[in-house]
Amino acid sequence: MLTDLYHALQFFRSEFSRERSWLLFCSVIISFLGATEMRGVTSMCRYWLAGRKGYDRLLHFFSCQVLSIGQIA
């Protein structure tokens, strides 16, 4: 299963110009799979044990245009 997850995430690598953005994207996807509750960015921060700085970065990730869904579809 981990190999399949790796290949699925690797498929999206070319959509990100910066590796850091892609790693954050991977973290978000893994959070969706692993978090016991899903109440938005707060749940993801709890899953990763991220504090205020992590919360702000995730909010920025969801509000910026690092990934265009239209280009993938």
PDB file of N, CA and C in Angstrom:
ATOM      1  N   MET A   1       0.817  -1.201   0.000  1.00  0.00           N
ATOM      2  CA  MET A   1       0.000   0.000   0.000  1.00  0.00           C
ATOM      3  C   MET A   1       0.862   1.268   0.000  1.00  0.00           C
ATOM      4  N   LEU A   2       1.957   1.242   0.749  1.00  0.00           N
ATOM      5  CA  LEU A   2       2.824   2.421   0.777  1.00  0.00           C
ATOM      6  C   LEU A   2       3.457   2.682  -0.579  1.00  0.00           C
ATOM      7  N   THR A   3       3.771   1.617  -1.296  1.00  0.00           N
ATOM      8  CA  THR A   3       4.336   1.790  -2.633  1.00  0.00           C
ATOM      9  C   THR A   3       3.320   2.444  -3.562  1.00  0.00           C
ATOM     10  N   ASP A   4       2.065   2.028  -3.457  1.00  0.00           N
ATOM     11  CA  ASP A   4       1.013   2.637  -4.279  1.00  0.00           C
ATOM     12  C   ASP A   4       0.824   4.108  -3.928  1.00  0.00           C
ATOM     13  N   LEU A   5       0.858   4.422  -2.644  1.00  0.00           N
ATOM     14  CA  LEU A   5       0.737   5.816  -2.213  1.00  0.00           C
ATOM     15  C   LEU A   5       1.905   6.642  -2.746  1.00  0.00           C
ATOM     16  N   TYR A   6       3.105   6.088  -2.663  1.00  0.00           N
ATOM     17  CA  TYR A   6       4.287   6.781  -3.178  1.00  0.00           C
ATOM     18  C   TYR A   6       4.136   7.078  -4.665  1.00  0.00           C
ATOM     19  N   HIS A   7       3.706   6.095  -5.441  1.00  0.00           N
ATOM     20  CA  HIS A   7       3.561   6.292  -6.883  1.00  0.00           C
ATOM     21  C   HIS A   7       2.450   7.297  -7.197  1.00  0.00           C
ATOM     22  N   ALA A   8       1.376   7.247  -6.434  1.00  0.00           N
ATOM     23  CA  ALA A   8       0.289   8.206  -6.650  1.00  0.00           C
ATOM     24  C   ALA A   8       0.752   9.634  -6.373  1.00  0.00           C
ATOM     25  N   LEU A   9       1.492   9.824  -5.296  1.00  0.00           N
ATOM     26  CA  LEU A   9       1.993  11.160  -4.974  1.00  0.00           C
ATOM     27  C   LEU A   9       3.066  11.601  -5.962  1.00  0.00           C
ATOM     28  N   GLN A  10       3.893  10.678  -6.400  1.00  0.00           N
ATOM     29  CA  GLN A  10       4.956  10.997  -7.355  1.00  0.00           C
ATOM     30  C   GLN A  10       4.373  11.491  -8.677  1.00  0.00           C
ATOM     31  N   PHE A  11       3.184  11.019  -9.024  1.00  0.00           N
ATOM     32  CA  PHE A  11       2.502  11.436 -10.250  1.00  0.00           C
ATOM     33  C   PHE A  11       2.293  12.953 -10.277  1.00  0.00           C
ATOM     34  N   PHE A  12       2.074  13.566  -9.111  1.00  0.00           N
ATOM     35  CA  PHE A  12       1.796  15.002  -9.025  1.00  0.00           C
ATOM     36  C   PHE A  12       3.061  15.856  -8.930  1.00  0.00           C
ATOM     37  N   ARG A  13       4.232  15.264  -8.833  1.00  0.00           N
ATOM     38  CA  ARG A  13       5.470  16.022  -8.627  1.00  0.00           C
ATOM     39  C   ARG A  13       5.698  17.061  -9.719  1.00  0.00           C
ATOM     40  N   SER A  14       5.392  16.726 -10.949  1.00  0.00           N
ATOM     41  CA  SER A  14       5.650  17.651 -12.059  1.00  0.00           C
ATOM     42  C   SER A  14       4.746  18.881 -12.027  1.00  0.00           C
ATOM     43  N   GLU A  15       3.693  18.846 -11.244  1.00  0.00           N
ATOM     44  CA  GLU A  15       2.775  19.992 -11.148  1.00  0.00           C
ATOM     45  C   GLU A  15       3.307  21.095 -10.238  1.00  0.00           C
ATOM     46  N   PHE A  16       4.361  20.826  -9.504  1.00  0.00           N
ATOM     47  CA  PHE A  16       4.910  21.782  -8.546  1.00  0.00           C
ATOM     48  C   PHE A  16       6.306  22.211  -8.985  1.00  0.00           C
ATOM     49  N   SER A  17       6.520  23.497  -9.048  1.00  0.00           N
ATOM     50  CA  SER A  17       7.836  23.999  -9.439  1.00  0.00           C
ATOM     51  C   SER A  17       8.825  23.935  -8.275  1.00  0.00           C
ATOM     52  N   ARG A  18       8.315  23.973  -7.059  1.00  0.00           N
ATOM     53  CA  ARG A  18       9.185  23.936  -5.879  1.00  0.00           C
ATOM     54  C   ARG A  18       8.973  22.633  -5.123  1.00  0.00           C
ATOM     55  N   GLU A  19      10.061  22.030  -4.699  1.00  0.00           N
ATOM     56  CA  GLU A  19       9.966  20.772  -3.959  1.00  0.00           C
ATOM     57  C   GLU A  19       9.246  20.956  -2.626  1.00  0.00           C
ATOM     58  N   ARG A  20       9.464  22.093  -1.998  1.00  0.00           N
ATOM     59  CA  ARG A  20       8.822  22.348  -0.706  1.00  0.00           C
ATOM     60  C   ARG A  20       7.292  22.353  -0.823  1.00  0.00           C
ATOM     61  N   SER A  21       6.786  22.937  -1.894  1.00  0.00           N
ATOM     62  CA  SER A  21       5.333  22.947  -2.114  1.00  0.00           C
ATOM     63  C   SER A  21       4.812  21.535  -2.336  1.00  0.00           C
ATOM     64  N   TRP A  22       5.556  20.744  -3.085  1.00  0.00           N
ATOM     65  CA  TRP A  22       5.148  19.367  -3.330  1.00  0.00           C
ATOM     66  C   TRP A  22       5.155  18.544  -2.040  1.00  0.00           C
ATOM     67  N   LEU A  23       6.151  18.746  -1.211  1.00  0.00           N
ATOM     68  CA  LEU A  23       6.213  18.034   0.069  1.00  0.00           C
ATOM     69  C   LEU A  23       5.050  18.436   0.976  1.00  0.00           C
ATOM     70  N   LEU A  24       4.685  19.695   0.938  1.00  0.00           N
ATOM     71  CA  LEU A  24       3.531  20.144   1.721  1.00  0.00           C
ATOM     72  C   LEU A  24       2.255  19.503   1.185  1.00  0.00           C
ATOM     73  N   PHE A  25       2.135  19.417  -0.127  1.00  0.00           N
ATOM     74  CA  PHE A  25       1.005  18.733  -0.739  1.00  0.00           C
ATOM     75  C   PHE A  25       0.939  17.272  -0.276  1.00  0.00           C
ATOM     76  N   CYS A  26       2.068  16.592  -0.291  1.00  0.00           N
ATOM     77  CA  CYS A  26       2.121  15.199   0.172  1.00  0.00           C
ATOM     78  C   CYS A  26       1.709  15.096   1.636  1.00  0.00           C
ATOM     79  N   SER A  27       2.138  16.034   2.443  1.00  0.00           N
ATOM     80  CA  SER A  27       1.759  16.053   3.853  1.00  0.00           C
ATOM     81  C   SER A  27       0.257  16.208   4.027  1.00  0.00           C
ATOM     82  N   VAL A  28      -0.343  17.041   3.203  1.00  0.00           N
ATOM     83  CA  VAL A  28      -1.788  17.243   3.272  1.00  0.00           C
ATOM     84  C   VAL A  28      -2.521  15.952   2.905  1.00  0.00           C
ATOM     85  N   ILE A  29      -2.087  15.297   1.848  1.00  0.00           N
ATOM     86  CA  ILE A  29      -2.732  14.048   1.428  1.00  0.00           C
ATOM     87  C   ILE A  29      -2.589  12.984   2.509  1.00  0.00           C
ATOM     88  N   ILE A  30      -1.420  12.854   3.078  1.00  0.00           N
ATOM     89  CA  ILE A  30      -1.203  11.869   4.147  1.00  0.00           C
ATOM     90  C   ILE A  30      -2.049  12.219   5.368  1.00  0.00           C
ATOM     91  N   SER A  31      -2.225  13.507   5.621  1.00  0.00           N
ATOM     92  CA  SER A  31      -3.093  13.937   6.730  1.00  0.00           C
ATOM     93  C   SER A  31      -4.527  13.491   6.507  1.00  0.00           C
ATOM     94  N   PHE A  32      -5.001  13.595   5.266  1.00  0.00           N
ATOM     95  CA  PHE A  32      -6.353  13.133   4.958  1.00  0.00           C
ATOM     96  C   PHE A  32      -6.505  11.647   5.264  1.00  0.00           C
ATOM     97  N   LEU A  33      -5.458  10.889   5.014  1.00  0.00           N
ATOM     98  CA  LEU A  33      -5.516   9.442   5.234  1.00  0.00           C
ATOM     99  C   LEU A  33      -5.332   9.050   6.692  1.00  0.00           C
ATOM    100  N   GLY A  34      -4.553   9.825   7.428  1.00  0.00           N
ATOM    101  CA  GLY A  34      -4.188   9.410   8.774  1.00  0.00           C
ATOM    102  C   GLY A  34      -4.881  10.097   9.934  1.00  0.00           C
ATOM    103  N   ALA A  35      -5.418  11.265   9.709  1.00  0.00           N
ATOM    104  CA  ALA A  35      -6.043  12.004  10.813  1.00  0.00           C
ATOM    105  C   ALA A  35      -7.315  11.291  11.286  1.00  0.00           C
ATOM    106  N   THR A  36      -7.520  11.272  12.583  1.00  0.00           N
ATOM    107  CA  THR A  36      -8.695  10.601  13.132  1.00  0.00           C
ATOM    108  C   THR A  36      -9.947  11.466  13.041  1.00  0.00           C
ATOM    109  N   GLU A  37      -9.778  12.742  12.871  1.00  0.00           N
ATOM    110  CA  GLU A  37     -10.906  13.649  12.691  1.00  0.00           C
ATOM    111  C   GLU A  37     -10.582  14.558  11.515  1.00  0.00           C
ATOM    112  N   MET A  38     -11.579  15.093  10.871  1.00  0.00           N
ATOM    113  CA  MET A  38     -11.318  15.993   9.765  1.00  0.00           C
ATOM    114  C   MET A  38     -12.128  17.259   9.967  1.00  0.00           C
ATOM    115  N   ARG A  39     -11.497  18.191  10.632  1.00  0.00           N
ATOM    116  CA  ARG A  39     -12.119  19.483  10.890  1.00  0.00           C
ATOM    117  C   ARG A  39     -11.285  20.599  10.287  1.00  0.00           C
ATOM    118  N   GLY A  40     -10.734  20.333   9.134  1.00  0.00           N
ATOM    119  CA  GLY A  40      -9.987  21.347   8.424  1.00  0.00           C
ATOM    120  C   GLY A  40      -8.513  21.349   8.763  1.00  0.00           C
ATOM    121  N   VAL A  41      -7.914  22.497   8.596  1.00  0.00           N
ATOM    122  CA  VAL A  41      -6.479  22.669   8.795  1.00  0.00           C
ATOM    123  C   VAL A  41      -6.078  22.331  10.230  1.00  0.00           C
ATOM    124  N   THR A  42      -6.923  22.621  11.180  1.00  0.00           N
ATOM    125  CA  THR A  42      -6.610  22.326  12.583  1.00  0.00           C
ATOM    126  C   THR A  42      -6.366  20.837  12.793  1.00  0.00           C
ATOM    127  N   SER A  43      -7.168  19.992  12.167  1.00  0.00           N
ATOM    128  CA  SER A  43      -6.989  18.543  12.296  1.00  0.00           C
ATOM    129  C   SER A  43      -5.658  18.099  11.709  1.00  0.00           C
ATOM    130  N   MET A  44      -5.270  18.693  10.597  1.00  0.00           N
ATOM    131  CA  MET A  44      -3.981  18.350   9.986  1.00  0.00           C
ATOM    132  C   MET A  44      -2.838  18.761  10.893  1.00  0.00           C
ATOM    133  N   CYS A  45      -2.948  19.911  11.512  1.00  0.00           N
ATOM    134  CA  CYS A  45      -1.902  20.371  12.429  1.00  0.00           C
ATOM    135  C   CYS A  45      -1.810  19.457  13.649  1.00  0.00           C
ATOM    136  N   ARG A  46      -2.935  18.981  14.135  1.00  0.00           N
ATOM    137  CA  ARG A  46      -2.906  18.034  15.251  1.00  0.00           C
ATOM    138  C   ARG A  46      -2.233  16.739  14.842  1.00  0.00           C
ATOM    139  N   TYR A  47      -2.531  16.259  13.640  1.00  0.00           N
ATOM    140  CA  TYR A  47      -1.938  15.014  13.153  1.00  0.00           C
ATOM    141  C   TYR A  47      -0.417  15.122  13.084  1.00  0.00           C
ATOM    142  N   TRP A  48       0.087  16.229  12.580  1.00  0.00           N
ATOM    143  CA  TRP A  48       1.529  16.422  12.430  1.00  0.00           C
ATOM    144  C   TRP A  48       2.176  17.050  13.665  1.00  0.00           C
ATOM    145  N   LEU A  49       1.389  17.331  14.680  1.00  0.00           N
ATOM    146  CA  LEU A  49       1.888  18.000  15.886  1.00  0.00           C
ATOM    147  C   LEU A  49       2.525  19.346  15.544  1.00  0.00           C
ATOM    148  N   ALA A  50       1.918  20.031  14.604  1.00  0.00           N
ATOM    149  CA  ALA A  50       2.419  21.335  14.172  1.00  0.00           C
ATOM    150  C   ALA A  50       1.772  22.433  15.010  1.00  0.00           C
ATOM    151  N   GLY A  51       2.516  23.431  15.304  1.00  0.00           N
ATOM    152  CA  GLY A  51       2.004  24.554  16.078  1.00  0.00           C
ATOM    153  C   GLY A  51       1.446  25.642  15.180  1.00  0.00           C
ATOM    154  N   ARG A  52       1.504  26.848  15.686  1.00  0.00           N
ATOM    155  CA  ARG A  52       0.960  28.010  14.974  1.00  0.00           C
ATOM    156  C   ARG A  52       1.641  28.223  13.619  1.00  0.00           C
ATOM    157  N   LYS A  53       2.940  28.014  13.569  1.00  0.00           N
ATOM    158  CA  LYS A  53       3.687  28.206  12.323  1.00  0.00           C
ATOM    159  C   LYS A  53       3.205  27.224  11.251  1.00  0.00           C
ATOM    160  N   GLY A  54       3.002  25.967  11.636  1.00  0.00           N
ATOM    161  CA  GLY A  54       2.488  24.976  10.704  1.00  0.00           C
ATOM    162  C   GLY A  54       1.080  25.299  10.241  1.00  0.00           C
ATOM    163  N   TYR A  55       0.265  25.793  11.157  1.00  0.00           N
ATOM    164  CA  TYR A  55      -1.107  26.184  10.832  1.00  0.00           C
ATOM    165  C   TYR A  55      -1.101  27.293   9.780  1.00  0.00           C
ATOM    166  N   ASP A  56      -0.271  28.300   9.986  1.00  0.00           N
ATOM    167  CA  ASP A  56      -0.196  29.420   9.034  1.00  0.00           C
ATOM    168  C   ASP A  56       0.282  28.946   7.662  1.00  0.00           C
ATOM    169  N   ARG A  57       1.251  28.025   7.637  1.00  0.00           N
ATOM    170  CA  ARG A  57       1.755  27.517   6.357  1.00  0.00           C
ATOM    171  C   ARG A  57       0.683  26.737   5.609  1.00  0.00           C
ATOM    172  N   LEU A  58      -0.082  25.941   6.337  1.00  0.00           N
ATOM    173  CA  LEU A  58      -1.154  25.190   5.675  1.00  0.00           C
ATOM    174  C   LEU A  58      -2.239  26.113   5.149  1.00  0.00           C
ATOM    175  N   LEU A  59      -2.580  27.144   5.897  1.00  0.00           N
ATOM    176  CA  LEU A  59      -3.567  28.112   5.399  1.00  0.00           C
ATOM    177  C   LEU A  59      -3.070  28.774   4.123  1.00  0.00           C
ATOM    178  N   HIS A  60      -1.799  29.130   4.105  1.00  0.00           N
ATOM    179  CA  HIS A  60      -1.212  29.743   2.917  1.00  0.00           C
ATOM    180  C   HIS A  60      -1.239  28.761   1.740  1.00  0.00           C
ATOM    181  N   PHE A  61      -0.945  27.497   2.001  1.00  0.00           N
ATOM    182  CA  PHE A  61      -0.946  26.485   0.955  1.00  0.00           C
ATOM    183  C   PHE A  61      -2.318  26.396   0.285  1.00  0.00           C
ATOM    184  N   PHE A  62      -3.376  26.414   1.070  1.00  0.00           N
ATOM    185  CA  PHE A  62      -4.713  26.281   0.514  1.00  0.00           C
ATOM    186  C   PHE A  62      -5.194  27.559  -0.176  1.00  0.00           C
ATOM    187  N   SER A  63      -4.586  28.689   0.110  1.00  0.00           N
ATOM    188  CA  SER A  63      -5.040  29.940  -0.505  1.00  0.00           C
ATOM    189  C   SER A  63      -4.204  30.363  -1.707  1.00  0.00           C
ATOM    190  N   CYS A  64      -3.033  29.761  -1.907  1.00  0.00           N
ATOM    191  CA  CYS A  64      -2.194  30.164  -3.036  1.00  0.00           C
ATOM    192  C   CYS A  64      -2.445  29.260  -4.237  1.00  0.00           C
ATOM    193  N   GLN A  65      -1.855  29.594  -5.344  1.00  0.00           N
ATOM    194  CA  GLN A  65      -2.086  28.888  -6.602  1.00  0.00           C
ATOM    195  C   GLN A  65      -0.926  27.962  -6.963  1.00  0.00           C
ATOM    196  N   VAL A  66      -0.461  27.143  -6.025  1.00  0.00           N
ATOM    197  CA  VAL A  66       0.663  26.250  -6.314  1.00  0.00           C
ATOM    198  C   VAL A  66       0.228  25.057  -7.153  1.00  0.00           C
ATOM    199  N   LEU A  67      -1.038  24.753  -7.150  1.00  0.00           N
ATOM    200  CA  LEU A  67      -1.547  23.624  -7.914  1.00  0.00           C
ATOM    201  C   LEU A  67      -2.811  24.042  -8.635  1.00  0.00           C
ATOM    202  N   SER A  68      -2.837  23.815  -9.926  1.00  0.00           N
ATOM    203  CA  SER A  68      -4.029  24.132 -10.708  1.00  0.00           C
ATOM    204  C   SER A  68      -4.740  22.825 -11.053  1.00  0.00           C
ATOM    205  N   ILE A  69      -5.892  22.613 -10.443  1.00  0.00           N
ATOM    206  CA  ILE A  69      -6.653  21.398 -10.690  1.00  0.00           C
ATOM    207  C   ILE A  69      -7.046  21.291 -12.160  1.00  0.00           C
ATOM    208  N   GLY A  70      -7.285  22.404 -12.809  1.00  0.00           N
ATOM    209  CA  GLY A  70      -7.649  22.406 -14.218  1.00  0.00           C
ATOM    210  C   GLY A  70      -6.567  21.812 -15.113  1.00  0.00           C
ATOM    211  N   GLN A  71      -5.304  21.954 -14.752  1.00  0.00           N
ATOM    212  CA  GLN A  71      -4.222  21.408 -15.538  1.00  0.00           C
ATOM    213  C   GLN A  71      -4.115  19.895 -15.386  1.00  0.00           C
ATOM    214  N   ILE A  72      -4.557  19.380 -14.241  1.00  0.00           N
ATOM    215  CA  ILE A  72      -4.454  17.944 -13.998  1.00  0.00           C
ATOM    216  C   ILE A  72      -5.552  17.193 -14.730  1.00  0.00           C
ATOM    217  N   ALA A  73      -6.760  17.739 -14.694  1.00  0.00           N
ATOM    218  CA  ALA A  73      -7.924  17.026 -15.269  1.00  0.00           C
ATOM    219  C   ALA A  73      -7.874  16.952 -16.761  1.00  0.00           C
TER     220      ALA A  73
END
